[in-house]
Amino acid sequence: MTFDDLYSDLLIVVSEAHARPDVPIESEQFFTKTLENFQGSSEDYIAYVREHLKDWFRYNHKPPVWIQDAEWQFSDGQPMLFVGQIDVPHTSGLFHDDATFYTFYNSENGETKTIIQLA
């Protein structure tokens, strides 16, 4: 059983956590690693993922509302805590389209990451 074998099911399940199993590449690496040591059927693995999603893809108050594809950030091979987002309308003059900043944090090493998506 490989990541590719389970991709369709993972795409459905992981989207429940406002994430993707394949974007960014660290997400695919994360799921591939969890799969390496898993003992059980593909159905058991999908159930295992569903059970642990809230532990892996955590957020401060609200989950991200992506304006493009989900891009959950990772640090040291693990999903980071989603801290929040700032929406910037195109009328602000900063961008030609609406934009959203998404901020993530790793409490273990203090790393933060912010990404920007444009509508």
PDB file of N, CA and C in Angstrom:
ATOM      1  N   MET A   1       0.854  -1.171   0.000  1.00  0.00           N
ATOM      2  CA  MET A   1       0.000   0.000   0.000  1.00  0.00           C
ATOM      3  C   MET A   1       0.905   1.240   0.000  1.00  0.00           C
ATOM      4  N   THR A   2       0.664   2.138  -0.959  1.00  0.00           N
ATOM      5  CA  THR A   2       1.485   3.332  -1.104  1.00  0.00           C
ATOM      6  C   THR A   2       0.624   4.591  -1.026  1.00  0.00           C
ATOM      7  N   PHE A   3       1.309   5.730  -0.927  1.00  0.00           N
ATOM      8  CA  PHE A   3       0.619   7.019  -0.946  1.00  0.00           C
ATOM      9  C   PHE A   3      -0.230   7.141  -2.208  1.00  0.00           C
ATOM     10  N   ASP A   4       0.330   6.768  -3.346  1.00  0.00           N
ATOM     11  CA  ASP A   4      -0.396   6.865  -4.616  1.00  0.00           C
ATOM     12  C   ASP A   4      -1.651   5.992  -4.607  1.00  0.00           C
ATOM     13  N   ASP A   5      -1.569   4.823  -3.981  1.00  0.00           N
ATOM     14  CA  ASP A   5      -2.730   3.935  -3.890  1.00  0.00           C
ATOM     15  C   ASP A   5      -3.870   4.585  -3.106  1.00  0.00           C
ATOM     16  N   LEU A   6      -3.508   5.378  -2.112  1.00  0.00           N
ATOM     17  CA  LEU A   6      -4.498   5.957  -1.195  1.00  0.00           C
ATOM     18  C   LEU A   6      -4.826   7.413  -1.505  1.00  0.00           C
ATOM     19  N   TYR A   7      -4.211   7.970  -2.547  1.00  0.00           N
ATOM     20  CA  TYR A   7      -4.325   9.401  -2.806  1.00  0.00           C
ATOM     21  C   TYR A   7      -5.777   9.894  -2.875  1.00  0.00           C
ATOM     22  N   SER A   8      -6.624   9.246  -3.624  1.00  0.00           N
ATOM     23  CA  SER A   8      -8.015   9.707  -3.784  1.00  0.00           C
ATOM     24  C   SER A   8      -8.742   9.769  -2.449  1.00  0.00           C
ATOM     25  N   ASP A   9      -8.590   8.731  -1.642  1.00  0.00           N
ATOM     26  CA  ASP A   9      -9.234   8.708  -0.325  1.00  0.00           C
ATOM     27  C   ASP A   9      -8.620   9.757   0.595  1.00  0.00           C
ATOM     28  N   LEU A  10      -7.292   9.898   0.550  1.00  0.00           N
ATOM     29  CA  LEU A  10      -6.636  10.904   1.386  1.00  0.00           C
ATOM     30  C   LEU A  10      -7.070  12.315   1.012  1.00  0.00           C
ATOM     31  N   LEU A  11      -7.226  12.579  -0.269  1.00  0.00           N
ATOM     32  CA  LEU A  11      -7.651  13.901  -0.714  1.00  0.00           C
ATOM     33  C   LEU A  11      -9.001  14.269  -0.098  1.00  0.00           C
ATOM     34  N   ILE A  12      -9.910  13.326  -0.056  1.00  0.00           N
ATOM     35  CA  ILE A  12     -11.237  13.573   0.535  1.00  0.00           C
ATOM     36  C   ILE A  12     -11.133  13.773   2.042  1.00  0.00           C
ATOM     37  N   VAL A  13     -10.436  12.882   2.719  1.00  0.00           N
ATOM     38  CA  VAL A  13     -10.371  12.919   4.186  1.00  0.00           C
ATOM     39  C   VAL A  13      -9.578  14.122   4.684  1.00  0.00           C
ATOM     40  N   VAL A  14      -8.418  14.372   4.110  1.00  0.00           N
ATOM     41  CA  VAL A  14      -7.554  15.450   4.585  1.00  0.00           C
ATOM     42  C   VAL A  14      -8.184  16.821   4.317  1.00  0.00           C
ATOM     43  N   SER A  15      -9.004  16.907   3.280  1.00  0.00           N
ATOM     44  CA  SER A  15      -9.686  18.179   3.012  1.00  0.00           C
ATOM     45  C   SER A  15     -10.631  18.554   4.155  1.00  0.00           C
ATOM     46  N   GLU A  16     -11.076  17.591   4.939  1.00  0.00           N
ATOM     47  CA  GLU A  16     -11.908  17.876   6.121  1.00  0.00           C
ATOM     48  C   GLU A  16     -11.150  18.746   7.125  1.00  0.00           C
ATOM     49  N   ALA A  17      -9.823  18.690   7.084  1.00  0.00           N
ATOM     50  CA  ALA A  17      -8.978  19.484   7.985  1.00  0.00           C
ATOM     51  C   ALA A  17      -8.474  20.753   7.301  1.00  0.00           C
ATOM     52  N   HIS A  18      -9.051  21.095   6.149  1.00  0.00           N
ATOM     53  CA  HIS A  18      -8.653  22.295   5.402  1.00  0.00           C
ATOM     54  C   HIS A  18      -7.207  22.199   4.922  1.00  0.00           C
ATOM     55  N   ALA A  19      -6.805  20.989   4.566  1.00  0.00           N
ATOM     56  CA  ALA A  19      -5.442  20.736   4.098  1.00  0.00           C
ATOM     57  C   ALA A  19      -5.505  19.816   2.883  1.00  0.00           C
ATOM     58  N   ARG A  20      -4.354  19.578   2.299  1.00  0.00           N
ATOM     59  CA  ARG A  20      -4.237  18.631   1.192  1.00  0.00           C
ATOM     60  C   ARG A  20      -3.154  17.620   1.541  1.00  0.00           C
ATOM     61  N   PRO A  21      -3.284  16.389   1.046  1.00  0.00           N
ATOM     62  CA  PRO A  21      -2.243  15.398   1.341  1.00  0.00           C
ATOM     63  C   PRO A  21      -1.010  15.544   0.455  1.00  0.00           C
ATOM     64  N   ASP A  22      -1.073  16.408  -0.565  1.00  0.00           N
ATOM     65  CA  ASP A  22       0.012  16.494  -1.540  1.00  0.00           C
ATOM     66  C   ASP A  22       0.584  17.898  -1.723  1.00  0.00           C
ATOM     67  N   VAL A  23       0.033  18.899  -1.065  1.00  0.00           N
ATOM     68  CA  VAL A  23       0.494  20.287  -1.207  1.00  0.00           C
ATOM     69  C   VAL A  23       0.614  20.903   0.170  1.00  0.00           C
ATOM     70  N   PRO A  24       1.770  21.440   0.517  1.00  0.00           N
ATOM     71  CA  PRO A  24       3.028  21.396  -0.221  1.00  0.00           C
ATOM     72  C   PRO A  24       3.632  19.992  -0.172  1.00  0.00           C
ATOM     73  N   ILE A  25       4.785  19.826  -0.792  1.00  0.00           N
ATOM     74  CA  ILE A  25       5.418  18.506  -0.854  1.00  0.00           C
ATOM     75  C   ILE A  25       5.646  17.922   0.539  1.00  0.00           C
ATOM     76  N   GLU A  26       5.839  18.769   1.541  1.00  0.00           N
ATOM     77  CA  GLU A  26       6.025  18.287   2.922  1.00  0.00           C
ATOM     78  C   GLU A  26       4.803  17.526   3.416  1.00  0.00           C
ATOM     79  N   SER A  27       3.643  17.869   2.901  1.00  0.00           N
ATOM     80  CA  SER A  27       2.432  17.149   3.281  1.00  0.00           C
ATOM     81  C   SER A  27       2.476  15.716   2.758  1.00  0.00           C
ATOM     82  N   GLU A  28       2.856  15.549   1.509  1.00  0.00           N
ATOM     83  CA  GLU A  28       2.985  14.209   0.948  1.00  0.00           C
ATOM     84  C   GLU A  28       4.046  13.414   1.717  1.00  0.00           C
ATOM     85  N   GLN A  29       5.153  14.050   2.058  1.00  0.00           N
ATOM     86  CA  GLN A  29       6.201  13.379   2.822  1.00  0.00           C
ATOM     87  C   GLN A  29       5.681  12.964   4.197  1.00  0.00           C
ATOM     88  N   PHE A  30       4.879  13.821   4.833  1.00  0.00           N
ATOM     89  CA  PHE A  30       4.303  13.516   6.141  1.00  0.00           C
ATOM     90  C   PHE A  30       3.418  12.267   6.070  1.00  0.00           C
ATOM     91  N   PHE A  31       2.516  12.226   5.098  1.00  0.00           N
ATOM     92  CA  PHE A  31       1.613  11.076   4.983  1.00  0.00           C
ATOM     93  C   PHE A  31       2.342   9.822   4.545  1.00  0.00           C
ATOM     94  N   THR A  32       3.342   9.968   3.699  1.00  0.00           N
ATOM     95  CA  THR A  32       4.138   8.809   3.302  1.00  0.00           C
ATOM     96  C   THR A  32       4.850   8.213   4.510  1.00  0.00           C
ATOM     97  N   LYS A  33       5.367   9.078   5.376  1.00  0.00           N
ATOM     98  CA  LYS A  33       6.059   8.600   6.581  1.00  0.00           C
ATOM     99  C   LYS A  33       5.090   7.890   7.534  1.00  0.00           C
ATOM    100  N   THR A  34       3.894   8.448   7.722  1.00  0.00           N
ATOM    101  CA  THR A  34       2.938   7.782   8.622  1.00  0.00           C
ATOM    102  C   THR A  34       2.513   6.436   8.052  1.00  0.00           C
ATOM    103  N   LEU A  35       2.492   6.341   6.747  1.00  0.00           N
ATOM    104  CA  LEU A  35       2.084   5.102   6.089  1.00  0.00           C
ATOM    105  C   LEU A  35       3.157   4.018   6.190  1.00  0.00           C
ATOM    106  N   GLU A  36       4.431   4.415   6.222  1.00  0.00           N
ATOM    107  CA  GLU A  36       5.534   3.447   6.266  1.00  0.00           C
ATOM    108  C   GLU A  36       5.434   2.494   7.454  1.00  0.00           C
ATOM    109  N   ASN A  37       5.039   3.007   8.600  1.00  0.00           N
ATOM    110  CA  ASN A  37       5.009   2.189   9.810  1.00  0.00           C
ATOM    111  C   ASN A  37       3.619   1.664  10.154  1.00  0.00           C
ATOM    112  N   PHE A  38       2.655   1.931   9.287  1.00  0.00           N
ATOM    113  CA  PHE A  38       1.277   1.547   9.591  1.00  0.00           C
ATOM    114  C   PHE A  38       1.050   0.074   9.287  1.00  0.00           C
ATOM    115  N   GLN A  39       0.442  -0.608  10.223  1.00  0.00           N
ATOM    116  CA  GLN A  39       0.076  -2.012  10.058  1.00  0.00           C
ATOM    117  C   GLN A  39      -1.441  -2.088   9.945  1.00  0.00           C
ATOM    118  N   GLY A  40      -1.923  -2.544   8.828  1.00  0.00           N
ATOM    119  CA  GLY A  40      -3.361  -2.663   8.645  1.00  0.00           C
ATOM    120  C   GLY A  40      -3.737  -2.442   7.195  1.00  0.00           C
ATOM    121  N   SER A  41      -5.026  -2.486   6.952  1.00  0.00           N
ATOM    122  CA  SER A  41      -5.543  -2.334   5.591  1.00  0.00           C
ATOM    123  C   SER A  41      -5.620  -0.866   5.204  1.00  0.00           C
ATOM    124  N   SER A  42      -5.919  -0.616   3.939  1.00  0.00           N
ATOM    125  CA  SER A  42      -6.080   0.760   3.480  1.00  0.00           C
ATOM    126  C   SER A  42      -7.261   1.424   4.176  1.00  0.00           C
ATOM    127  N   GLU A  43      -8.317   0.672   4.425  1.00  0.00           N
ATOM    128  CA  GLU A  43      -9.471   1.213   5.149  1.00  0.00           C
ATOM    129  C   GLU A  43      -9.083   1.591   6.582  1.00  0.00           C
ATOM    130  N   ASP A  44      -8.252   0.765   7.203  1.00  0.00           N
ATOM    131  CA  ASP A  44      -7.770   1.055   8.560  1.00  0.00           C
ATOM    132  C   ASP A  44      -6.920   2.326   8.568  1.00  0.00           C
ATOM    133  N   TYR A  45      -6.088   2.483   7.537  1.00  0.00           N
ATOM    134  CA  TYR A  45      -5.228   3.668   7.471  1.00  0.00           C
ATOM    135  C   TYR A  45      -6.056   4.938   7.305  1.00  0.00           C
ATOM    136  N   ILE A  46      -7.042   4.908   6.442  1.00  0.00           N
ATOM    137  CA  ILE A  46      -7.899   6.081   6.241  1.00  0.00           C
ATOM    138  C   ILE A  46      -8.637   6.406   7.540  1.00  0.00           C
ATOM    139  N   ALA A  47      -9.097   5.413   8.247  1.00  0.00           N
ATOM    140  CA  ALA A  47      -9.753   5.638   9.550  1.00  0.00           C
ATOM    141  C   ALA A  47      -8.758   6.245  10.540  1.00  0.00           C
ATOM    142  N   TYR A  48      -7.514   5.759  10.522  1.00  0.00           N
ATOM    143  CA  TYR A  48      -6.457   6.285  11.389  1.00  0.00           C
ATOM    144  C   TYR A  48      -6.190   7.758  11.089  1.00  0.00           C
ATOM    145  N   VAL A  49      -6.102   8.097   9.816  1.00  0.00           N
ATOM    146  CA  VAL A  49      -5.882   9.493   9.421  1.00  0.00           C
ATOM    147  C   VAL A  49      -7.039  10.356   9.898  1.00  0.00           C
ATOM    148  N   ARG A  50      -8.266   9.917   9.644  1.00  0.00           N
ATOM    149  CA  ARG A  50      -9.444  10.693  10.042  1.00  0.00           C
ATOM    150  C   ARG A  50      -9.443  10.923  11.562  1.00  0.00           C
ATOM    151  N   GLU A  51      -9.045   9.912  12.302  1.00  0.00           N
ATOM    152  CA  GLU A  51      -9.018  10.007  13.773  1.00  0.00           C
ATOM    153  C   GLU A  51      -7.982  11.024  14.260  1.00  0.00           C
ATOM    154  N   HIS A  52      -6.878  11.179  13.534  1.00  0.00           N
ATOM    155  CA  HIS A  52      -5.785  12.034  13.987  1.00  0.00           C
ATOM    156  C   HIS A  52      -5.713  13.415  13.330  1.00  0.00           C
ATOM    157  N   LEU A  53      -6.600  13.697  12.406  1.00  0.00           N
ATOM    158  CA  LEU A  53      -6.551  14.971  11.691  1.00  0.00           C
ATOM    159  C   LEU A  53      -6.521  16.179  12.622  1.00  0.00           C
ATOM    160  N   LYS A  54      -7.377  16.180  13.635  1.00  0.00           N
ATOM    161  CA  LYS A  54      -7.450  17.343  14.536  1.00  0.00           C
ATOM    162  C   LYS A  54      -6.193  17.478  15.387  1.00  0.00           C
ATOM    163  N   ASP A  55      -5.472  16.394  15.599  1.00  0.00           N
ATOM    164  CA  ASP A  55      -4.203  16.467  16.325  1.00  0.00           C
ATOM    165  C   ASP A  55      -3.092  17.001  15.428  1.00  0.00           C
ATOM    166  N   TRP A  56      -3.147  16.662  14.162  1.00  0.00           N
ATOM    167  CA  TRP A  56      -2.105  17.059  13.224  1.00  0.00           C
ATOM    168  C   TRP A  56      -2.317  18.458  12.674  1.00  0.00           C
ATOM    169  N   PHE A  57      -3.528  18.763  12.224  1.00  0.00           N
ATOM    170  CA  PHE A  57      -3.829  20.034  11.573  1.00  0.00           C
ATOM    171  C   PHE A  57      -4.630  20.908  12.536  1.00  0.00           C
ATOM    172  N   ARG A  58      -3.883  21.548  13.420  1.00  0.00           N
ATOM    173  CA  ARG A  58      -4.496  22.351  14.484  1.00  0.00           C
ATOM    174  C   ARG A  58      -4.562  23.813  14.080  1.00  0.00           C
ATOM    175  N   TYR A  59      -5.514  24.510  14.672  1.00  0.00           N
ATOM    176  CA  TYR A  59      -5.648  25.941  14.414  1.00  0.00           C
ATOM    177  C   TYR A  59      -6.000  26.649  15.702  1.00  0.00           C
ATOM    178  N   ASN A  60      -5.687  27.941  15.756  1.00  0.00           N
ATOM    179  CA  ASN A  60      -5.863  28.750  16.952  1.00  0.00           C
ATOM    180  C   ASN A  60      -7.340  28.924  17.295  1.00  0.00           C
ATOM    181  N   HIS A  61      -8.101  29.580  16.438  1.00  0.00           N
ATOM    182  CA  HIS A  61      -9.523  29.784  16.685  1.00  0.00           C
ATOM    183  C   HIS A  61     -10.380  29.223  15.559  1.00  0.00           C
ATOM    184  N   LYS A  62      -9.975  29.503  14.346  1.00  0.00           N
ATOM    185  CA  LYS A  62     -10.727  29.071  13.171  1.00  0.00           C
ATOM    186  C   LYS A  62      -9.770  28.448  12.165  1.00  0.00           C
ATOM    187  N   PRO A  63     -10.261  27.482  11.387  1.00  0.00           N
ATOM    188  CA  PRO A  63      -9.407  26.922  10.336  1.00  0.00           C
ATOM    189  C   PRO A  63      -9.229  27.936   9.208  1.00  0.00           C
ATOM    190  N   PRO A  64      -8.221  27.748   8.380  1.00  0.00           N
ATOM    191  CA  PRO A  64      -8.023  28.676   7.266  1.00  0.00           C
ATOM    192  C   PRO A  64      -9.164  28.588   6.261  1.00  0.00           C
ATOM    193  N   VAL A  65      -9.480  29.728   5.691  1.00  0.00           N
ATOM    194  CA  VAL A  65     -10.415  29.793   4.573  1.00  0.00           C
ATOM    195  C   VAL A  65      -9.566  30.155   3.358  1.00  0.00           C
ATOM    196  N   TRP A  66      -9.195  29.149   2.611  1.00  0.00           N
ATOM    197  CA  TRP A  66      -8.284  29.323   1.494  1.00  0.00           C
ATOM    198  C   TRP A  66      -8.993  29.979   0.323  1.00  0.00           C
ATOM    199  N   ILE A  67      -8.302  30.880  -0.367  1.00  0.00           N
ATOM    200  CA  ILE A  67      -8.880  31.462  -1.575  1.00  0.00           C
ATOM    201  C   ILE A  67      -8.340  30.749  -2.818  1.00  0.00           C
ATOM    202  N   GLN A  68      -7.328  29.918  -2.625  1.00  0.00           N
ATOM    203  CA  GLN A  68      -6.829  29.014  -3.662  1.00  0.00           C
ATOM    204  C   GLN A  68      -6.754  27.633  -3.020  1.00  0.00           C
ATOM    205  N   ASP A  69      -5.918  26.748  -3.543  1.00  0.00           N
ATOM    206  CA  ASP A  69      -5.756  25.427  -2.933  1.00  0.00           C
ATOM    207  C   ASP A  69      -5.123  25.548  -1.557  1.00  0.00           C
ATOM    208  N   ALA A  70      -5.466  24.616  -0.679  1.00  0.00           N
ATOM    209  CA  ALA A  70      -4.883  24.574   0.660  1.00  0.00           C
ATOM    210  C   ALA A  70      -3.365  24.427   0.564  1.00  0.00           C
ATOM    211  N   GLU A  71      -2.651  25.176   1.424  1.00  0.00           N
ATOM    212  CA  GLU A  71      -1.182  25.118   1.474  1.00  0.00           C
ATOM    213  C   GLU A  71      -0.720  25.069   2.927  1.00  0.00           C
ATOM    214  N   TRP A  72      -1.235  24.123   3.691  1.00  0.00           N
ATOM    215  CA  TRP A  72      -0.865  24.011   5.097  1.00  0.00           C
ATOM    216  C   TRP A  72       0.645  23.912   5.208  1.00  0.00           C
ATOM    217  N   GLN A  73       1.241  24.649   6.143  1.00  0.00           N
ATOM    218  CA  GLN A  73       2.694  24.705   6.275  1.00  0.00           C
ATOM    219  C   GLN A  73       3.203  23.671   7.283  1.00  0.00           C
ATOM    220  N   PHE A  74       4.462  23.258   7.058  1.00  0.00           N
ATOM    221  CA  PHE A  74       5.100  22.224   7.875  1.00  0.00           C
ATOM    222  C   PHE A  74       6.435  22.744   8.396  1.00  0.00           C
ATOM    223  N   SER A  75       6.825  22.222   9.551  1.00  0.00           N
ATOM    224  CA  SER A  75       8.114  22.540  10.156  1.00  0.00           C
ATOM    225  C   SER A  75       8.650  21.266  10.795  1.00  0.00           C
ATOM    226  N   ASP A  76       9.885  20.955  10.549  1.00  0.00           N
ATOM    227  CA  ASP A  76      10.488  19.723  11.072  1.00  0.00           C
ATOM    228  C   ASP A  76       9.653  18.494  10.734  1.00  0.00           C
ATOM    229  N   GLY A  77       9.044  18.504   9.544  1.00  0.00           N
ATOM    230  CA  GLY A  77       8.280  17.353   9.084  1.00  0.00           C
ATOM    231  C   GLY A  77       6.878  17.220   9.647  1.00  0.00           C
ATOM    232  N   GLN A  78       6.446  18.194  10.448  1.00  0.00           N
ATOM    233  CA  GLN A  78       5.126  18.133  11.094  1.00  0.00           C
ATOM    234  C   GLN A  78       4.268  19.326  10.687  1.00  0.00           C
ATOM    235  N   PRO A  79       2.946  19.136  10.624  1.00  0.00           N
ATOM    236  CA  PRO A  79       2.074  20.276  10.334  1.00  0.00           C
ATOM    237  C   PRO A  79       2.194  21.335  11.438  1.00  0.00           C
ATOM    238  N   MET A  80       2.231  22.592  11.020  1.00  0.00           N
ATOM    239  CA  MET A  80       2.337  23.701  11.974  1.00  0.00           C
ATOM    240  C   MET A  80       0.940  24.106  12.455  1.00  0.00           C
ATOM    241  N   LEU A  81       0.896  24.846  13.549  1.00  0.00           N
ATOM    242  CA  LEU A  81      -0.349  25.410  14.072  1.00  0.00           C
ATOM    243  C   LEU A  81      -0.750  26.589  13.190  1.00  0.00           C
ATOM    244  N   PHE A  82      -1.990  26.586  12.704  1.00  0.00           N
ATOM    245  CA  PHE A  82      -2.493  27.734  11.954  1.00  0.00           C
ATOM    246  C   PHE A  82      -2.928  28.782  12.962  1.00  0.00           C
ATOM    247  N   VAL A  83      -2.295  29.949  12.909  1.00  0.00           N
ATOM    248  CA  VAL A  83      -2.555  31.017  13.872  1.00  0.00           C
ATOM    249  C   VAL A  83      -3.721  31.891  13.424  1.00  0.00           C
ATOM    250  N   GLY A  84      -3.751  32.250  12.144  1.00  0.00           N
ATOM    251  CA  GLY A  84      -4.833  33.082  11.652  1.00  0.00           C
ATOM    252  C   GLY A  84      -4.543  33.626  10.275  1.00  0.00           C
ATOM    253  N   GLN A  85      -5.487  34.397   9.780  1.00  0.00           N
ATOM    254  CA  GLN A  85      -5.338  34.968   8.452  1.00  0.00           C
ATOM    255  C   GLN A  85      -5.771  36.421   8.447  1.00  0.00           C
ATOM    256  N   ILE A  86      -5.194  37.164   7.528  1.00  0.00           N
ATOM    257  CA  ILE A  86      -5.544  38.575   7.334  1.00  0.00           C
ATOM    258  C   ILE A  86      -5.950  38.737   5.878  1.00  0.00           C
ATOM    259  N   ASP A  87      -7.170  39.204   5.690  1.00  0.00           N
ATOM    260  CA  ASP A  87      -7.671  39.453   4.347  1.00  0.00           C
ATOM    261  C   ASP A  87      -7.362  40.898   3.959  1.00  0.00           C
ATOM    262  N   VAL A  88      -6.865  41.082   2.744  1.00  0.00           N
ATOM    263  CA  VAL A  88      -6.517  42.406   2.232  1.00  0.00           C
ATOM    264  C   VAL A  88      -7.277  42.617   0.915  1.00  0.00           C
ATOM    265  N   PRO A  89      -8.301  43.470   0.918  1.00  0.00           N
ATOM    266  CA  PRO A  89      -9.062  43.682  -0.313  1.00  0.00           C
ATOM    267  C   PRO A  89      -8.231  44.426  -1.357  1.00  0.00           C
ATOM    268  N   HIS A  90      -8.556  44.196  -2.607  1.00  0.00           N
ATOM    269  CA  HIS A  90      -7.809  44.865  -3.688  1.00  0.00           C
ATOM    270  C   HIS A  90      -7.931  46.381  -3.597  1.00  0.00           C
ATOM    271  N   THR A  91      -8.986  46.862  -2.939  1.00  0.00           N
ATOM    272  CA  THR A  91      -9.175  48.315  -2.802  1.00  0.00           C
ATOM    273  C   THR A  91      -8.135  48.956  -1.899  1.00  0.00           C
ATOM    274  N   SER A  92      -7.360  48.121  -1.181  1.00  0.00           N
ATOM    275  CA  SER A  92      -6.307  48.676  -0.327  1.00  0.00           C
ATOM    276  C   SER A  92      -5.167  49.268  -1.162  1.00  0.00           C
ATOM    277  N   GLY A  93      -5.078  48.837  -2.411  1.00  0.00           N
ATOM    278  CA  GLY A  93      -4.009  49.311  -3.273  1.00  0.00           C
ATOM    279  C   GLY A  93      -2.714  48.521  -3.143  1.00  0.00           C
ATOM    280  N   LEU A  94      -2.647  47.548  -2.235  1.00  0.00           N
ATOM    281  CA  LEU A  94      -1.433  46.748  -2.064  1.00  0.00           C
ATOM    282  C   LEU A  94      -1.265  45.713  -3.172  1.00  0.00           C
ATOM    283  N   PHE A  95      -2.383  45.141  -3.608  1.00  0.00           N
ATOM    284  CA  PHE A  95      -2.363  44.103  -4.636  1.00  0.00           C
ATOM    285  C   PHE A  95      -3.427  44.429  -5.678  1.00  0.00           C
ATOM    286  N   HIS A  96      -3.268  43.890  -6.863  1.00  0.00           N
ATOM    287  CA  HIS A  96      -4.265  44.131  -7.911  1.00  0.00           C
ATOM    288  C   HIS A  96      -5.515  43.279  -7.726  1.00  0.00           C
ATOM    289  N   ASP A  97      -5.424  42.228  -6.913  1.00  0.00           N
ATOM    290  CA  ASP A  97      -6.567  41.369  -6.585  1.00  0.00           C
ATOM    291  C   ASP A  97      -6.689  41.291  -5.065  1.00  0.00           C
ATOM    292  N   ASP A  98      -7.794  40.708  -4.602  1.00  0.00           N
ATOM    293  CA  ASP A  98      -7.917  40.435  -3.174  1.00  0.00           C
ATOM    294  C   ASP A  98      -6.799  39.476  -2.764  1.00  0.00           C
ATOM    295  N   ALA A  99      -6.279  39.649  -1.564  1.00  0.00           N
ATOM    296  CA  ALA A  99      -5.193  38.800  -1.066  1.00  0.00           C
ATOM    297  C   ALA A  99      -5.508  38.355   0.351  1.00  0.00           C
ATOM    298  N   THR A 100      -4.919  37.239   0.743  1.00  0.00           N
ATOM    299  CA  THR A 100      -5.028  36.761   2.113  1.00  0.00           C
ATOM    300  C   THR A 100      -3.659  36.278   2.566  1.00  0.00           C
ATOM    301  N   PHE A 101      -3.253  36.721   3.763  1.00  0.00           N
ATOM    302  CA  PHE A 101      -2.029  36.255   4.413  1.00  0.00           C
ATOM    303  C   PHE A 101      -2.429  35.159   5.406  1.00  0.00           C
ATOM    304  N   TYR A 102      -1.734  34.027   5.371  1.00  0.00           N
ATOM    305  CA  TYR A 102      -1.982  32.902   6.268  1.00  0.00           C
ATOM    306  C   TYR A 102      -0.719  32.691   7.102  1.00  0.00           C
ATOM    307  N   THR A 103      -0.875  32.672   8.427  1.00  0.00           N
ATOM    308  CA  THR A 103       0.283  32.565   9.312  1.00  0.00           C
ATOM    309  C   THR A 103       0.232  31.266  10.123  1.00  0.00           C
ATOM    310  N   PHE A 104       1.395  30.596  10.165  1.00  0.00           N
ATOM    311  CA  PHE A 104       1.553  29.323  10.863  1.00  0.00           C
ATOM    312  C   PHE A 104       2.700  29.442  11.863  1.00  0.00           C
ATOM    313  N   TYR A 105       2.631  28.612  12.920  1.00  0.00           N
ATOM    314  CA  TYR A 105       3.616  28.704  14.007  1.00  0.00           C
ATOM    315  C   TYR A 105       3.966  27.308  14.519  1.00  0.00           C
ATOM    316  N   ASN A 106       5.247  27.118  14.837  1.00  0.00           N
ATOM    317  CA  ASN A 106       5.720  25.896  15.480  1.00  0.00           C
ATOM    318  C   ASN A 106       6.180  26.276  16.879  1.00  0.00           C
ATOM    319  N   SER A 107       5.433  25.872  17.891  1.00  0.00           N
ATOM    320  CA  SER A 107       5.749  26.256  19.276  1.00  0.00           C
ATOM    321  C   SER A 107       7.008  25.571  19.802  1.00  0.00           C
ATOM    322  N   GLU A 108       7.422  24.473  19.185  1.00  0.00           N
ATOM    323  CA  GLU A 108       8.608  23.761  19.656  1.00  0.00           C
ATOM    324  C   GLU A 108       9.908  24.470  19.289  1.00  0.00           C
ATOM    325  N   ASN A 109       9.945  25.077  18.098  1.00  0.00           N
ATOM    326  CA  ASN A 109      11.189  25.731  17.690  1.00  0.00           C
ATOM    327  C   ASN A 109      11.018  27.227  17.412  1.00  0.00           C
ATOM    328  N   GLY A 110       9.801  27.746  17.583  1.00  0.00           N
ATOM    329  CA  GLY A 110       9.550  29.173  17.402  1.00  0.00           C
ATOM    330  C   GLY A 110       9.451  29.629  15.960  1.00  0.00           C
ATOM    331  N   GLU A 111       9.501  28.692  15.030  1.00  0.00           N
ATOM    332  CA  GLU A 111       9.440  29.055  13.614  1.00  0.00           C
ATOM    333  C   GLU A 111       8.040  29.537  13.235  1.00  0.00           C
ATOM    334  N   THR A 112       7.986  30.569  12.411  1.00  0.00           N
ATOM    335  CA  THR A 112       6.723  31.027  11.842  1.00  0.00           C
ATOM    336  C   THR A 112       6.873  31.042  10.325  1.00  0.00           C
ATOM    337  N   LYS A 113       5.763  30.845   9.659  1.00  0.00           N
ATOM    338  CA  LYS A 113       5.695  30.930   8.200  1.00  0.00           C
ATOM    339  C   LYS A 113       4.421  31.672   7.849  1.00  0.00           C
ATOM    340  N   THR A 114       4.531  32.566   6.883  1.00  0.00           N
ATOM    341  CA  THR A 114       3.371  33.257   6.360  1.00  0.00           C
ATOM    342  C   THR A 114       3.371  33.101   4.845  1.00  0.00           C
ATOM    343  N   ILE A 115       2.236  32.721   4.314  1.00  0.00           N
ATOM    344  CA  ILE A 115       2.107  32.643   2.866  1.00  0.00           C
ATOM    345  C   ILE A 115       1.001  33.589   2.428  1.00  0.00           C
ATOM    346  N   ILE A 116       1.050  33.976   1.167  1.00  0.00           N
ATOM    347  CA  ILE A 116       0.057  34.875   0.591  1.00  0.00           C
ATOM    348  C   ILE A 116      -0.616  34.177  -0.574  1.00  0.00           C
ATOM    349  N   GLN A 117      -1.933  34.297  -0.635  1.00  0.00           N
ATOM    350  CA  GLN A 117      -2.673  33.845  -1.795  1.00  0.00           C
ATOM    351  C   GLN A 117      -3.445  35.021  -2.378  1.00  0.00           C
ATOM    352  N   LEU A 118      -3.518  35.077  -3.703  1.00  0.00           N
ATOM    353  CA  LEU A 118      -4.269  36.127  -4.395  1.00  0.00           C
ATOM    354  C   LEU A 118      -5.480  35.509  -5.073  1.00  0.00           C
ATOM    355  N   ALA A 119      -6.593  36.228  -4.991  1.00  0.00           N
ATOM    356  CA  ALA A 119      -7.825  35.720  -5.624  1.00  0.00           C
ATOM    357  C   ALA A 119      -7.840  36.039  -7.093  1.00  0.00           C
TER     358      ALA A 119
END
